[in-house]
């Protein structure tokens, strides 16, 4: 049976993902101050752009949800579980401050989770 999240629950899940993006952006900026090799610098800039764009997208979704009273389509139980798992994993990473000591590979993994999170939310907006 499909599960429905309230608008406020989706906004809260997005807020968690936005925090992960913020922490990722901060870490990527710090990595830029360390004098990376050209290949690593190029990867850092790509991931920085990706993180900023993802954060902007999530903030826009939240603004739209708040402003328009968007109805969120019902989600299948497996999608709800994945969304909760992603939110919990991002929450844990923020709590453990894992992003502060992250490598570019780790940040790419976090951004992949945030992107999957965004795709689920996008697919279930009414």
PDB file of N, CA and C in Angstrom:
ATOM      1  N   UNK A   1       0.850  -1.179   0.000  1.00  0.00           N
ATOM      2  CA  UNK A   1       0.000   0.000   0.000  1.00  0.00           C
ATOM      3  C   UNK A   1       0.896   1.242   0.000  1.00  0.00           C
ATOM      4  N   UNK A   2       0.592   2.196  -0.873  1.00  0.00           N
ATOM      5  CA  UNK A   2       1.412   3.416  -0.931  1.00  0.00           C
ATOM      6  C   UNK A   2       1.336   4.214   0.363  1.00  0.00           C
ATOM      7  N   UNK A   3       2.444   4.858   0.673  1.00  0.00           N
ATOM      8  CA  UNK A   3       2.527   5.707   1.856  1.00  0.00           C
ATOM      9  C   UNK A   3       2.618   7.151   1.386  1.00  0.00           C
ATOM     10  N   UNK A   4       1.927   8.042   2.082  1.00  0.00           N
ATOM     11  CA  UNK A   4       2.006   9.450   1.737  1.00  0.00           C
ATOM     12  C   UNK A   4       2.786  10.190   2.808  1.00  0.00           C
ATOM     13  N   UNK A   5       3.711  11.040   2.358  1.00  0.00           N
ATOM     14  CA  UNK A   5       4.394  11.948   3.261  1.00  0.00           C
ATOM     15  C   UNK A   5       3.638  13.259   3.240  1.00  0.00           C
ATOM     16  N   UNK A   6       3.565  13.894   4.373  1.00  0.00           N
ATOM     17  CA  UNK A   6       2.987  15.233   4.405  1.00  0.00           C
ATOM     18  C   UNK A   6       3.951  16.201   3.743  1.00  0.00           C
ATOM     19  N   UNK A   7       3.428  17.334   3.344  1.00  0.00           N
ATOM     20  CA  UNK A   7       4.261  18.372   2.739  1.00  0.00           C
ATOM     21  C   UNK A   7       5.383  18.754   3.701  1.00  0.00           C
ATOM     22  N   UNK A   8       5.052  18.908   4.973  1.00  0.00           N
ATOM     23  CA  UNK A   8       6.074  19.303   5.946  1.00  0.00           C
ATOM     24  C   UNK A   8       7.139  18.220   6.112  1.00  0.00           C
ATOM     25  N   UNK A   9       6.762  16.952   5.978  1.00  0.00           N
ATOM     26  CA  UNK A   9       7.745  15.866   6.078  1.00  0.00           C
ATOM     27  C   UNK A   9       8.711  15.903   4.894  1.00  0.00           C
ATOM     28  N   UNK A  10       8.203  16.185   3.705  1.00  0.00           N
ATOM     29  CA  UNK A  10       9.077  16.275   2.529  1.00  0.00           C
ATOM     30  C   UNK A  10      10.009  17.472   2.663  1.00  0.00           C
ATOM     31  N   UNK A  11       9.474  18.585   3.153  1.00  0.00           N
ATOM     32  CA  UNK A  11      10.305  19.775   3.365  1.00  0.00           C
ATOM     33  C   UNK A  11      11.418  19.460   4.356  1.00  0.00           C
ATOM     34  N   UNK A  12      11.096  18.723   5.413  1.00  0.00           N
ATOM     35  CA  UNK A  12      12.110  18.362   6.415  1.00  0.00           C
ATOM     36  C   UNK A  12      13.162  17.429   5.813  1.00  0.00           C
ATOM     37  N   UNK A  13      12.735  16.453   5.026  1.00  0.00           N
ATOM     38  CA  UNK A  13      13.702  15.553   4.380  1.00  0.00           C
ATOM     39  C   UNK A  13      14.617  16.359   3.452  1.00  0.00           C
ATOM     40  N   UNK A  14      14.048  17.301   2.708  1.00  0.00           N
ATOM     41  CA  UNK A  14      14.867  18.149   1.844  1.00  0.00           C
ATOM     42  C   UNK A  14      15.837  18.988   2.662  1.00  0.00           C
ATOM     43  N   UNK A  15      15.406  19.478   3.814  1.00  0.00           N
ATOM     44  CA  UNK A  15      16.273  20.286   4.668  1.00  0.00           C
ATOM     45  C   UNK A  15      17.515  19.486   5.068  1.00  0.00           C
ATOM     46  N   UNK A  16      17.331  18.219   5.371  1.00  0.00           N
ATOM     47  CA  UNK A  16      18.455  17.350   5.739  1.00  0.00           C
ATOM     48  C   UNK A  16      19.423  17.226   4.558  1.00  0.00           C
ATOM     49  N   UNK A  17      18.871  17.031   3.366  1.00  0.00           N
ATOM     50  CA  UNK A  17      19.714  16.920   2.175  1.00  0.00           C
ATOM     51  C   UNK A  17      20.431  18.244   1.893  1.00  0.00           C
ATOM     52  N   UNK A  18      19.749  19.364   2.145  1.00  0.00           N
ATOM     53  CA  UNK A  18      20.373  20.685   1.955  1.00  0.00           C
ATOM     54  C   UNK A  18      21.548  20.851   2.922  1.00  0.00           C
ATOM     55  N   UNK A  19      21.384  20.406   4.162  1.00  0.00           N
ATOM     56  CA  UNK A  19      22.484  20.471   5.129  1.00  0.00           C
ATOM     57  C   UNK A  19      23.675  19.652   4.652  1.00  0.00           C
ATOM     58  N   UNK A  20      23.403  18.477   4.079  1.00  0.00           N
ATOM     59  CA  UNK A  20      24.492  17.642   3.557  1.00  0.00           C
ATOM     60  C   UNK A  20      25.196  18.358   2.409  1.00  0.00           C
ATOM     61  N   UNK A  21      24.422  19.015   1.554  1.00  0.00           N
ATOM     62  CA  UNK A  21      25.030  19.793   0.453  1.00  0.00           C
ATOM     63  C   UNK A  21      25.884  20.926   1.005  1.00  0.00           C
ATOM     64  N   UNK A  22      25.370  21.638   2.019  1.00  0.00           N
ATOM     65  CA  UNK A  22      26.128  22.747   2.613  1.00  0.00           C
ATOM     66  C   UNK A  22      27.470  22.259   3.163  1.00  0.00           C
ATOM     67  N   UNK A  23      27.421  21.145   3.886  1.00  0.00           N
ATOM     68  CA  UNK A  23      28.658  20.601   4.460  1.00  0.00           C
ATOM     69  C   UNK A  23      29.610  20.155   3.354  1.00  0.00           C
ATOM     70  N   UNK A  24      29.057  19.573   2.304  1.00  0.00           N
ATOM     71  CA  UNK A  24      29.868  19.131   1.178  1.00  0.00           C
ATOM     72  C   UNK A  24      30.525  20.318   0.482  1.00  0.00           C
ATOM     73  N   UNK A  25      29.756  21.365   0.266  1.00  0.00           N
ATOM     74  CA  UNK A  25      30.287  22.585  -0.373  1.00  0.00           C
ATOM     75  C   UNK A  25      31.420  23.164   0.459  1.00  0.00           C
ATOM     76  N   UNK A  26      31.214  23.237   1.771  1.00  0.00           N
ATOM     77  CA  UNK A  26      32.267  23.754   2.650  1.00  0.00           C
ATOM     78  C   UNK A  26      33.540  22.931   2.529  1.00  0.00           C
ATOM     79  N   UNK A  27      33.397  21.608   2.535  1.00  0.00           N
ATOM     80  CA  UNK A  27      34.568  20.737   2.452  1.00  0.00           C
ATOM     81  C   UNK A  27      35.258  20.866   1.103  1.00  0.00           C
ATOM     82  N   UNK A  28      34.469  20.949   0.035  1.00  0.00           N
ATOM     83  CA  UNK A  28      35.069  21.109  -1.289  1.00  0.00           C
ATOM     84  C   UNK A  28      35.819  22.424  -1.405  1.00  0.00           C
ATOM     85  N   UNK A  29      35.311  23.465  -0.773  1.00  0.00           N
ATOM     86  CA  UNK A  29      36.027  24.748  -0.773  1.00  0.00           C
ATOM     87  C   UNK A  29      37.336  24.629   0.000  1.00  0.00           C
ATOM     88  N   UNK A  30      37.305  23.913   1.126  1.00  0.00           N
ATOM     89  CA  UNK A  30      38.530  23.689   1.901  1.00  0.00           C
ATOM     90  C   UNK A  30      39.556  22.907   1.086  1.00  0.00           C
ATOM     91  N   UNK A  31      39.085  21.871   0.378  1.00  0.00           N
ATOM     92  CA  UNK A  31      39.998  21.076  -0.451  1.00  0.00           C
ATOM     93  C   UNK A  31      40.669  21.939  -1.511  1.00  0.00           C
ATOM     94  N   UNK A  32      39.968  22.954  -2.001  1.00  0.00           N
ATOM     95  CA  UNK A  32      40.535  23.846  -3.003  1.00  0.00           C
ATOM     96  C   UNK A  32      41.677  24.679  -2.473  1.00  0.00           C
ATOM     97  N   UNK A  33      41.714  24.884  -1.167  1.00  0.00           N
ATOM     98  CA  UNK A  33      42.783  25.665  -0.546  1.00  0.00           C
ATOM     99  C   UNK A  33      44.038  24.836  -0.304  1.00  0.00           C
ATOM    100  N   UNK A  34      43.927  23.524  -0.526  1.00  0.00           N
ATOM    101  CA  UNK A  34      45.042  22.621  -0.225  1.00  0.00           C
ATOM    102  C   UNK A  34      46.003  22.451  -1.387  1.00  0.00           C
ATOM    103  N   UNK A  35      45.735  23.065  -2.525  1.00  0.00           N
ATOM    104  CA  UNK A  35      46.631  22.952  -3.674  1.00  0.00           C
ATOM    105  C   UNK A  35      46.617  21.565  -4.284  1.00  0.00           C
ATOM    106  N   UNK A  36      45.533  21.199  -4.909  1.00  0.00           N
ATOM    107  CA  UNK A  36      45.377  19.879  -5.510  1.00  0.00           C
ATOM    108  C   UNK A  36      46.070  19.812  -6.864  1.00  0.00           C
ATOM    109  N   UNK A  37      46.361  18.579  -7.305  1.00  0.00           N
ATOM    110  CA  UNK A  37      46.852  18.368  -8.655  1.00  0.00           C
ATOM    111  C   UNK A  37      45.746  18.755  -9.627  1.00  0.00           C
ATOM    112  N   UNK A  38      46.113  19.034 -10.859  1.00  0.00           N
ATOM    113  CA  UNK A  38      45.161  19.535 -11.858  1.00  0.00           C
ATOM    114  C   UNK A  38      43.952  18.614 -12.032  1.00  0.00           C
ATOM    115  N   UNK A  39      44.184  17.299 -12.101  1.00  0.00           N
ATOM    116  CA  UNK A  39      43.069  16.356 -12.267  1.00  0.00           C
ATOM    117  C   UNK A  39      42.128  16.404 -11.072  1.00  0.00           C
ATOM    118  N   UNK A  40      42.691  16.430  -9.869  1.00  0.00           N
ATOM    119  CA  UNK A  40      41.869  16.488  -8.661  1.00  0.00           C
ATOM    120  C   UNK A  40      41.133  17.820  -8.561  1.00  0.00           C
ATOM    121  N   UNK A  41      41.781  18.886  -8.982  1.00  0.00           N
ATOM    122  CA  UNK A  41      41.136  20.195  -8.959  1.00  0.00           C
ATOM    123  C   UNK A  41      39.946  20.224  -9.917  1.00  0.00           C
ATOM    124  N   UNK A  42      40.107  19.617 -11.075  1.00  0.00           N
ATOM    125  CA  UNK A  42      39.006  19.559 -12.038  1.00  0.00           C
ATOM    126  C   UNK A  42      37.836  18.765 -11.456  1.00  0.00           C
ATOM    127  N   UNK A  43      38.140  17.638 -10.812  1.00  0.00           N
ATOM    128  CA  UNK A  43      37.083  16.841 -10.167  1.00  0.00           C
ATOM    129  C   UNK A  43      36.414  17.635  -9.053  1.00  0.00           C
ATOM    130  N   UNK A  44      37.206  18.350  -8.276  1.00  0.00           N
ATOM    131  CA  UNK A  44      36.661  19.145  -7.172  1.00  0.00           C
ATOM    132  C   UNK A  44      35.693  20.201  -7.702  1.00  0.00           C
ATOM    133  N   UNK A  45      36.084  20.871  -8.774  1.00  0.00           N
ATOM    134  CA  UNK A  45      35.227  21.918  -9.335  1.00  0.00           C
ATOM    135  C   UNK A  45      33.926  21.350  -9.887  1.00  0.00           C
ATOM    136  N   UNK A  46      34.001  20.183 -10.514  1.00  0.00           N
ATOM    137  CA  UNK A  46      32.781  19.531 -11.023  1.00  0.00           C
ATOM    138  C   UNK A  46      31.857  19.194  -9.857  1.00  0.00           C
ATOM    139  N   UNK A  47      32.424  18.609  -8.804  1.00  0.00           N
ATOM    140  CA  UNK A  47      31.600  18.221  -7.659  1.00  0.00           C
ATOM    141  C   UNK A  47      31.068  19.443  -6.908  1.00  0.00           C
ATOM    142  N   UNK A  48      31.840  20.506  -6.852  1.00  0.00           N
ATOM    143  CA  UNK A  48      31.377  21.736  -6.216  1.00  0.00           C
ATOM    144  C   UNK A  48      30.176  22.293  -6.980  1.00  0.00           C
ATOM    145  N   UNK A  49      30.285  22.338  -8.278  1.00  0.00           N
ATOM    146  CA  UNK A  49      29.175  22.812  -9.107  1.00  0.00           C
ATOM    147  C   UNK A  49      27.950  21.930  -8.920  1.00  0.00           C
ATOM    148  N   UNK A  50      28.169  20.633  -8.890  1.00  0.00           N
ATOM    149  CA  UNK A  50      27.071  19.678  -8.701  1.00  0.00           C
ATOM    150  C   UNK A  50      26.392  19.895  -7.351  1.00  0.00           C
ATOM    151  N   UNK A  51      27.173  20.072  -6.312  1.00  0.00           N
ATOM    152  CA  UNK A  51      26.619  20.273  -4.971  1.00  0.00           C
ATOM    153  C   UNK A  51      25.822  21.568  -4.887  1.00  0.00           C
ATOM    154  N   UNK A  52      26.352  22.634  -5.467  1.00  0.00           N
ATOM    155  CA  UNK A  52      25.654  23.926  -5.446  1.00  0.00           C
ATOM    156  C   UNK A  52      24.346  23.821  -6.223  1.00  0.00           C
ATOM    157  N   UNK A  53      24.389  23.192  -7.383  1.00  0.00           N
ATOM    158  CA  UNK A  53      23.175  23.042  -8.195  1.00  0.00           C
ATOM    159  C   UNK A  53      22.130  22.175  -7.490  1.00  0.00           C
ATOM    160  N   UNK A  54      22.572  21.105  -6.874  1.00  0.00           N
ATOM    161  CA  UNK A  54      21.646  20.231  -6.147  1.00  0.00           C
ATOM    162  C   UNK A  54      21.019  20.974  -4.984  1.00  0.00           C
ATOM    163  N   UNK A  55      21.826  21.723  -4.244  1.00  0.00           N
ATOM    164  CA  UNK A  55      21.300  22.502  -3.124  1.00  0.00           C
ATOM    165  C   UNK A  55      20.270  23.515  -3.610  1.00  0.00           C
ATOM    166  N   UNK A  56      20.580  24.195  -4.690  1.00  0.00           N
ATOM    167  CA  UNK A  56      19.657  25.177  -5.250  1.00  0.00           C
ATOM    168  C   UNK A  56      18.339  24.516  -5.649  1.00  0.00           C
ATOM    169  N   UNK A  57      18.437  23.347  -6.281  1.00  0.00           N
ATOM    170  CA  UNK A  57      17.245  22.615  -6.697  1.00  0.00           C
ATOM    171  C   UNK A  57      16.396  22.223  -5.490  1.00  0.00           C
ATOM    172  N   UNK A  58      17.035  21.700  -4.453  1.00  0.00           N
ATOM    173  CA  UNK A  58      16.300  21.291  -3.243  1.00  0.00           C
ATOM    174  C   UNK A  58      15.650  22.489  -2.554  1.00  0.00           C
ATOM    175  N   UNK A  59      16.355  23.602  -2.506  1.00  0.00           N
ATOM    176  CA  UNK A  59      15.776  24.809  -1.909  1.00  0.00           C
ATOM    177  C   UNK A  59      14.573  25.291  -2.714  1.00  0.00           C
ATOM    178  N   UNK A  60      14.680  25.188  -4.028  1.00  0.00           N
ATOM    179  CA  UNK A  60      13.568  25.600  -4.882  1.00  0.00           C
ATOM    180  C   UNK A  60      12.356  24.693  -4.671  1.00  0.00           C
ATOM    181  N   UNK A  61      12.597  23.391  -4.543  1.00  0.00           N
ATOM    182  CA  UNK A  61      11.501  22.461  -4.266  1.00  0.00           C
ATOM    183  C   UNK A  61      10.820  22.841  -2.963  1.00  0.00           C
ATOM    184  N   UNK A  62      11.606  23.106  -1.922  1.00  0.00           N
ATOM    185  CA  UNK A  62      11.009  23.485  -0.639  1.00  0.00           C
ATOM    186  C   UNK A  62      10.227  24.783  -0.753  1.00  0.00           C
ATOM    187  N   UNK A  63      10.760  25.751  -1.479  1.00  0.00           N
ATOM    188  CA  UNK A  63      10.037  27.015  -1.662  1.00  0.00           C
ATOM    189  C   UNK A  63       8.719  26.766  -2.379  1.00  0.00           C
ATOM    190  N   UNK A  64       8.748  25.924  -3.387  1.00  0.00           N
ATOM    191  CA  UNK A  64       7.513  25.605  -4.107  1.00  0.00           C
ATOM    192  C   UNK A  64       6.513  24.872  -3.223  1.00  0.00           C
ATOM    193  N   UNK A  65       7.004  23.949  -2.423  1.00  0.00           N
ATOM    194  CA  UNK A  65       6.109  23.215  -1.525  1.00  0.00           C
ATOM    195  C   UNK A  65       5.459  24.152  -0.518  1.00  0.00           C
ATOM    196  N   UNK A  66       6.235  25.048   0.027  1.00  0.00           N
ATOM    197  CA  UNK A  66       5.693  25.991   1.007  1.00  0.00           C
ATOM    198  C   UNK A  66       4.676  26.940   0.363  1.00  0.00           C
ATOM    199  N   UNK A  67       5.002  27.415  -0.822  1.00  0.00           N
ATOM    200  CA  UNK A  67       4.186  28.455  -1.458  1.00  0.00           C
ATOM    201  C   UNK A  67       2.915  27.917  -2.104  1.00  0.00           C
ATOM    202  N   UNK A  68       2.981  26.755  -2.672  1.00  0.00           N
ATOM    203  CA  UNK A  68       1.884  26.299  -3.517  1.00  0.00           C
ATOM    204  C   UNK A  68       0.992  25.236  -2.888  1.00  0.00           C
ATOM    205  N   UNK A  69       1.345  24.737  -1.746  1.00  0.00           N
ATOM    206  CA  UNK A  69       0.527  23.675  -1.170  1.00  0.00           C
ATOM    207  C   UNK A  69       0.507  22.442  -2.057  1.00  0.00           C
ATOM    208  N   UNK A  70       1.653  22.131  -2.635  1.00  0.00           N
ATOM    209  CA  UNK A  70       1.770  20.999  -3.545  1.00  0.00           C
ATOM    210  C   UNK A  70       1.354  19.705  -2.857  1.00  0.00           C
ATOM    211  N   UNK A  71       0.593  18.909  -3.573  1.00  0.00           N
ATOM    212  CA  UNK A  71       0.225  17.587  -3.077  1.00  0.00           C
ATOM    213  C   UNK A  71       1.322  16.626  -3.515  1.00  0.00           C
ATOM    214  N   UNK A  72       1.811  15.850  -2.575  1.00  0.00           N
ATOM    215  CA  UNK A  72       2.835  14.859  -2.885  1.00  0.00           C
ATOM    216  C   UNK A  72       2.132  13.552  -3.207  1.00  0.00           C
ATOM    217  N   UNK A  73       2.445  12.993  -4.370  1.00  0.00           N
ATOM    218  CA  UNK A  73       1.822  11.748  -4.802  1.00  0.00           C
ATOM    219  C   UNK A  73       2.189  10.621  -3.829  1.00  0.00           C
ATOM    220  N   UNK A  74       1.286   9.669  -3.660  1.00  0.00           N
ATOM    221  CA  UNK A  74       1.615   8.514  -2.805  1.00  0.00           C
ATOM    222  C   UNK A  74       2.861   7.805  -3.316  1.00  0.00           C
ATOM    223  N   UNK A  75       3.630   7.271  -2.369  1.00  0.00           N
ATOM    224  CA  UNK A  75       4.850   6.552  -2.712  1.00  0.00           C
ATOM    225  C   UNK A  75       4.683   5.088  -2.338  1.00  0.00           C
ATOM    226  N   UNK A  76       5.254   4.240  -3.167  1.00  0.00           N
ATOM    227  CA  UNK A  76       5.269   2.817  -2.851  1.00  0.00           C
ATOM    228  C   UNK A  76       6.110   2.599  -1.598  1.00  0.00           C
ATOM    229  N   UNK A  77       5.806   1.537  -0.880  1.00  0.00           N
ATOM    230  CA  UNK A  77       6.521   1.248   0.373  1.00  0.00           C
ATOM    231  C   UNK A  77       8.028   1.169   0.180  1.00  0.00           C
ATOM    232  N   UNK A  78       8.480   0.573  -0.945  1.00  0.00           N
ATOM    233  CA  UNK A  78       9.927   0.451  -1.158  1.00  0.00           C
ATOM    234  C   UNK A  78      10.565   1.824  -1.409  1.00  0.00           C
ATOM    235  N   UNK A  79       9.834   2.746  -2.035  1.00  0.00           N
ATOM    236  CA  UNK A  79      10.352   4.095  -2.256  1.00  0.00           C
ATOM    237  C   UNK A  79      10.415   4.851  -0.933  1.00  0.00           C
ATOM    238  N   UNK A  80       9.395   4.679  -0.099  1.00  0.00           N
ATOM    239  CA  UNK A  80       9.392   5.304   1.231  1.00  0.00           C
ATOM    240  C   UNK A  80      10.571   4.806   2.040  1.00  0.00           C
ATOM    241  N   UNK A  81      10.815   3.487   1.982  1.00  0.00           N
ATOM    242  CA  UNK A  81      11.949   2.928   2.725  1.00  0.00           C
ATOM    243  C   UNK A  81      13.262   3.514   2.209  1.00  0.00           C
ATOM    244  N   UNK A  82      13.414   3.613   0.880  1.00  0.00           N
ATOM    245  CA  UNK A  82      14.645   4.171   0.319  1.00  0.00           C
ATOM    246  C   UNK A  82      14.808   5.637   0.728  1.00  0.00           C
ATOM    247  N   UNK A  83      13.718   6.402   0.671  1.00  0.00           N
ATOM    248  CA  UNK A  83      13.770   7.805   1.059  1.00  0.00           C
ATOM    249  C   UNK A  83      14.159   7.952   2.525  1.00  0.00           C
ATOM    250  N   UNK A  84      13.562   7.142   3.376  1.00  0.00           N
ATOM    251  CA  UNK A  84      13.917   7.190   4.802  1.00  0.00           C
ATOM    252  C   UNK A  84      15.363   6.766   5.029  1.00  0.00           C
ATOM    253  N   UNK A  85      15.798   5.710   4.328  1.00  0.00           N
ATOM    254  CA  UNK A  85      17.187   5.257   4.463  1.00  0.00           C
ATOM    255  C   UNK A  85      18.172   6.341   4.032  1.00  0.00           C
ATOM    256  N   UNK A  86      17.870   7.002   2.903  1.00  0.00           N
ATOM    257  CA  UNK A  86      18.740   8.090   2.433  1.00  0.00           C
ATOM    258  C   UNK A  86      18.777   9.231   3.445  1.00  0.00           C
ATOM    259  N   UNK A  87      17.600   9.625   3.944  1.00  0.00           N
ATOM    260  CA  UNK A  87      17.537  10.693   4.945  1.00  0.00           C
ATOM    261  C   UNK A  87      18.303  10.329   6.200  1.00  0.00           C
ATOM    262  N   UNK A  88      18.144   9.087   6.646  1.00  0.00           N
ATOM    263  CA  UNK A  88      18.848   8.643   7.854  1.00  0.00           C
ATOM    264  C   UNK A  88      20.354   8.595   7.634  1.00  0.00           C
ATOM    265  N   UNK A  89      20.780   8.135   6.447  1.00  0.00           N
ATOM    266  CA  UNK A  89      22.212   8.066   6.157  1.00  0.00           C
ATOM    267  C   UNK A  89      22.813   9.472   6.112  1.00  0.00           C
ATOM    268  N   UNK A  90      22.130  10.402   5.468  1.00  0.00           N
ATOM    269  CA  UNK A  90      22.624  11.780   5.418  1.00  0.00           C
ATOM    270  C   UNK A  90      22.635  12.396   6.818  1.00  0.00           C
ATOM    271  N   UNK A  91      21.591  12.123   7.595  1.00  0.00           N
ATOM    272  CA  UNK A  91      21.547  12.604   8.977  1.00  0.00           C
ATOM    273  C   UNK A  91      22.753  12.104   9.769  1.00  0.00           C
ATOM    274  N   UNK A  92      23.041  10.813   9.631  1.00  0.00           N
ATOM    275  CA  UNK A  92      24.160  10.216  10.369  1.00  0.00           C
ATOM    276  C   UNK A  92      25.482  10.828   9.935  1.00  0.00           C
ATOM    277  N   UNK A  93      25.649  11.061   8.643  1.00  0.00           N
ATOM    278  CA  UNK A  93      26.881  11.662   8.154  1.00  0.00           C
ATOM    279  C   UNK A  93      27.057  13.068   8.708  1.00  0.00           C
ATOM    280  N   UNK A  94      25.956  13.808   8.792  1.00  0.00           N
ATOM    281  CA  UNK A  94      26.028  15.153   9.366  1.00  0.00           C
ATOM    282  C   UNK A  94      26.361  15.060  10.850  1.00  0.00           C
ATOM    283  N   UNK A  95      25.679  14.170  11.578  1.00  0.00           N
ATOM    284  CA  UNK A  95      25.934  14.025  13.021  1.00  0.00           C
ATOM    285  C   UNK A  95      27.372  13.619  13.302  1.00  0.00           C
ATOM    286  N   UNK A  96      27.884  12.718  12.502  1.00  0.00           N
ATOM    287  CA  UNK A  96      29.252  12.225  12.706  1.00  0.00           C
ATOM    288  C   UNK A  96      30.300  13.161  12.124  1.00  0.00           C
ATOM    289  N   UNK A  97      29.849  14.204  11.451  1.00  0.00           N
ATOM    290  CA  UNK A  97      30.739  15.168  10.821  1.00  0.00           C
ATOM    291  C   UNK A  97      31.702  14.474   9.870  1.00  0.00           C
ATOM    292  N   UNK A  98      31.190  13.421   9.199  1.00  0.00           N
ATOM    293  CA  UNK A  98      32.033  12.681   8.269  1.00  0.00           C
ATOM    294  C   UNK A  98      32.476  13.546   7.104  1.00  0.00           C
ATOM    295  N   UNK A  99      31.613  14.485   6.718  1.00  0.00           N
ATOM    296  CA  UNK A  99      31.914  15.299   5.546  1.00  0.00           C
ATOM    297  C   UNK A  99      33.113  16.213   5.813  1.00  0.00           C
ATOM    298  N   UNK A 100      33.333  16.607   7.037  1.00  0.00           N
ATOM    299  CA  UNK A 100      34.428  17.524   7.364  1.00  0.00           C
ATOM    300  C   UNK A 100      35.791  16.940   6.992  1.00  0.00           C
ATOM    301  N   UNK A 101      35.927  15.621   7.049  1.00  0.00           N
ATOM    302  CA  UNK A 101      37.197  14.978   6.728  1.00  0.00           C
ATOM    303  C   UNK A 101      37.113  14.191   5.421  1.00  0.00           C
ATOM    304  N   UNK A 102      36.179  14.562   4.583  1.00  0.00           N
ATOM    305  CA  UNK A 102      35.872  13.773   3.405  1.00  0.00           C
ATOM    306  C   UNK A 102      36.882  13.948   2.285  1.00  0.00           C
ATOM    307  N   UNK A 103      36.981  12.900   1.498  1.00  0.00           N
ATOM    308  CA  UNK A 103      37.739  12.952   0.255  1.00  0.00           C
ATOM    309  C   UNK A 103      36.763  13.250  -0.871  1.00  0.00           C
ATOM    310  N   UNK A 104      37.267  13.504  -2.044  1.00  0.00           N
ATOM    311  CA  UNK A 104      36.392  13.757  -3.188  1.00  0.00           C
ATOM    312  C   UNK A 104      35.540  12.527  -3.475  1.00  0.00           C
ATOM    313  N   UNK A 105      36.084  11.319  -3.345  1.00  0.00           N
ATOM    314  CA  UNK A 105      35.295  10.110  -3.577  1.00  0.00           C
ATOM    315  C   UNK A 105      34.122  10.013  -2.603  1.00  0.00           C
ATOM    316  N   UNK A 106      34.374  10.326  -1.332  1.00  0.00           N
ATOM    317  CA  UNK A 106      33.304  10.279  -0.339  1.00  0.00           C
ATOM    318  C   UNK A 106      32.235  11.317  -0.660  1.00  0.00           C
ATOM    319  N   UNK A 107      32.678  12.518  -1.028  1.00  0.00           N
ATOM    320  CA  UNK A 107      31.738  13.593  -1.356  1.00  0.00           C
ATOM    321  C   UNK A 107      30.905  13.199  -2.569  1.00  0.00           C
ATOM    322  N   UNK A 108      31.516  12.564  -3.549  1.00  0.00           N
ATOM    323  CA  UNK A 108      30.775  12.089  -4.707  1.00  0.00           C
ATOM    324  C   UNK A 108      29.698  11.109  -4.282  1.00  0.00           C
ATOM    325  N   UNK A 109      30.009  10.240  -3.333  1.00  0.00           N
ATOM    326  CA  UNK A 109      29.037   9.280  -2.817  1.00  0.00           C
ATOM    327  C   UNK A 109      27.881   9.993  -2.116  1.00  0.00           C
ATOM    328  N   UNK A 110      28.183  10.992  -1.298  1.00  0.00           N
ATOM    329  CA  UNK A 110      27.133  11.755  -0.613  1.00  0.00           C
ATOM    330  C   UNK A 110      26.249  12.454  -1.633  1.00  0.00           C
ATOM    331  N   UNK A 111      26.863  13.064  -2.634  1.00  0.00           N
ATOM    332  CA  UNK A 111      26.083  13.760  -3.648  1.00  0.00           C
ATOM    333  C   UNK A 111      25.218  12.798  -4.450  1.00  0.00           C
ATOM    334  N   UNK A 112      25.698  11.584  -4.644  1.00  0.00           N
ATOM    335  CA  UNK A 112      24.890  10.567  -5.332  1.00  0.00           C
ATOM    336  C   UNK A 112      23.639  10.274  -4.507  1.00  0.00           C
ATOM    337  N   UNK A 113      23.790  10.130  -3.188  1.00  0.00           N
ATOM    338  CA  UNK A 113      22.635   9.895  -2.317  1.00  0.00           C
ATOM    339  C   UNK A 113      21.681  11.081  -2.338  1.00  0.00           C
ATOM    340  N   UNK A 114      22.226  12.284  -2.278  1.00  0.00           N
ATOM    341  CA  UNK A 114      21.384  13.489  -2.297  1.00  0.00           C
ATOM    342  C   UNK A 114      20.654  13.587  -3.630  1.00  0.00           C
ATOM    343  N   UNK A 115      21.338  13.264  -4.724  1.00  0.00           N
ATOM    344  CA  UNK A 115      20.714  13.315  -6.041  1.00  0.00           C
ATOM    345  C   UNK A 115      19.586  12.297  -6.151  1.00  0.00           C
ATOM    346  N   UNK A 116      19.810  11.091  -5.632  1.00  0.00           N
ATOM    347  CA  UNK A 116      18.753  10.061  -5.630  1.00  0.00           C
ATOM    348  C   UNK A 116      17.568  10.554  -4.813  1.00  0.00           C
ATOM    349  N   UNK A 117      17.861  11.168  -3.692  1.00  0.00           N
ATOM    350  CA  UNK A 117      16.832  11.752  -2.822  1.00  0.00           C
ATOM    351  C   UNK A 117      16.006  12.772  -3.605  1.00  0.00           C
ATOM    352  N   UNK A 118      16.689  13.667  -4.298  1.00  0.00           N
ATOM    353  CA  UNK A 118      16.011  14.701  -5.081  1.00  0.00           C
ATOM    354  C   UNK A 118      15.160  14.078  -6.174  1.00  0.00           C
ATOM    355  N   UNK A 119      15.667  13.054  -6.847  1.00  0.00           N
ATOM    356  CA  UNK A 119      14.917  12.410  -7.923  1.00  0.00           C
ATOM    357  C   UNK A 119      13.628  11.773  -7.409  1.00  0.00           C
ATOM    358  N   UNK A 120      13.698  11.154  -6.223  1.00  0.00           N
ATOM    359  CA  UNK A 120      12.494  10.559  -5.636  1.00  0.00           C
ATOM    360  C   UNK A 120      11.472  11.649  -5.348  1.00  0.00           C
ATOM    361  N   UNK A 121      11.917  12.726  -4.735  1.00  0.00           N
ATOM    362  CA  UNK A 121      11.006  13.826  -4.393  1.00  0.00           C
ATOM    363  C   UNK A 121      10.415  14.429  -5.664  1.00  0.00           C
ATOM    364  N   UNK A 122      11.270  14.672  -6.664  1.00  0.00           N
ATOM    365  CA  UNK A 122      10.774  15.235  -7.932  1.00  0.00           C
ATOM    366  C   UNK A 122       9.700  14.346  -8.565  1.00  0.00           C
ATOM    367  N   UNK A 123       9.916  13.033  -8.518  1.00  0.00           N
ATOM    368  CA  UNK A 123       8.992  12.113  -9.151  1.00  0.00           C
ATOM    369  C   UNK A 123       7.639  12.036  -8.448  1.00  0.00           C
ATOM    370  N   UNK A 124       7.574  12.499  -7.219  1.00  0.00           N
ATOM    371  CA  UNK A 124       6.334  12.360  -6.445  1.00  0.00           C
ATOM    372  C   UNK A 124       5.662  13.692  -6.151  1.00  0.00           C
ATOM    373  N   UNK A 125       6.055  14.718  -6.866  1.00  0.00           N
ATOM    374  CA  UNK A 125       5.343  15.990  -6.716  1.00  0.00           C
ATOM    375  C   UNK A 125       4.123  15.956  -7.618  1.00  0.00           C
ATOM    376  N   UNK A 126       3.011  16.464  -7.083  1.00  0.00           N
ATOM    377  CA  UNK A 126       1.749  16.442  -7.830  1.00  0.00           C
ATOM    378  C   UNK A 126       1.626  17.550  -8.820  1.00  0.00           C
TER     379      UNK A 126
END
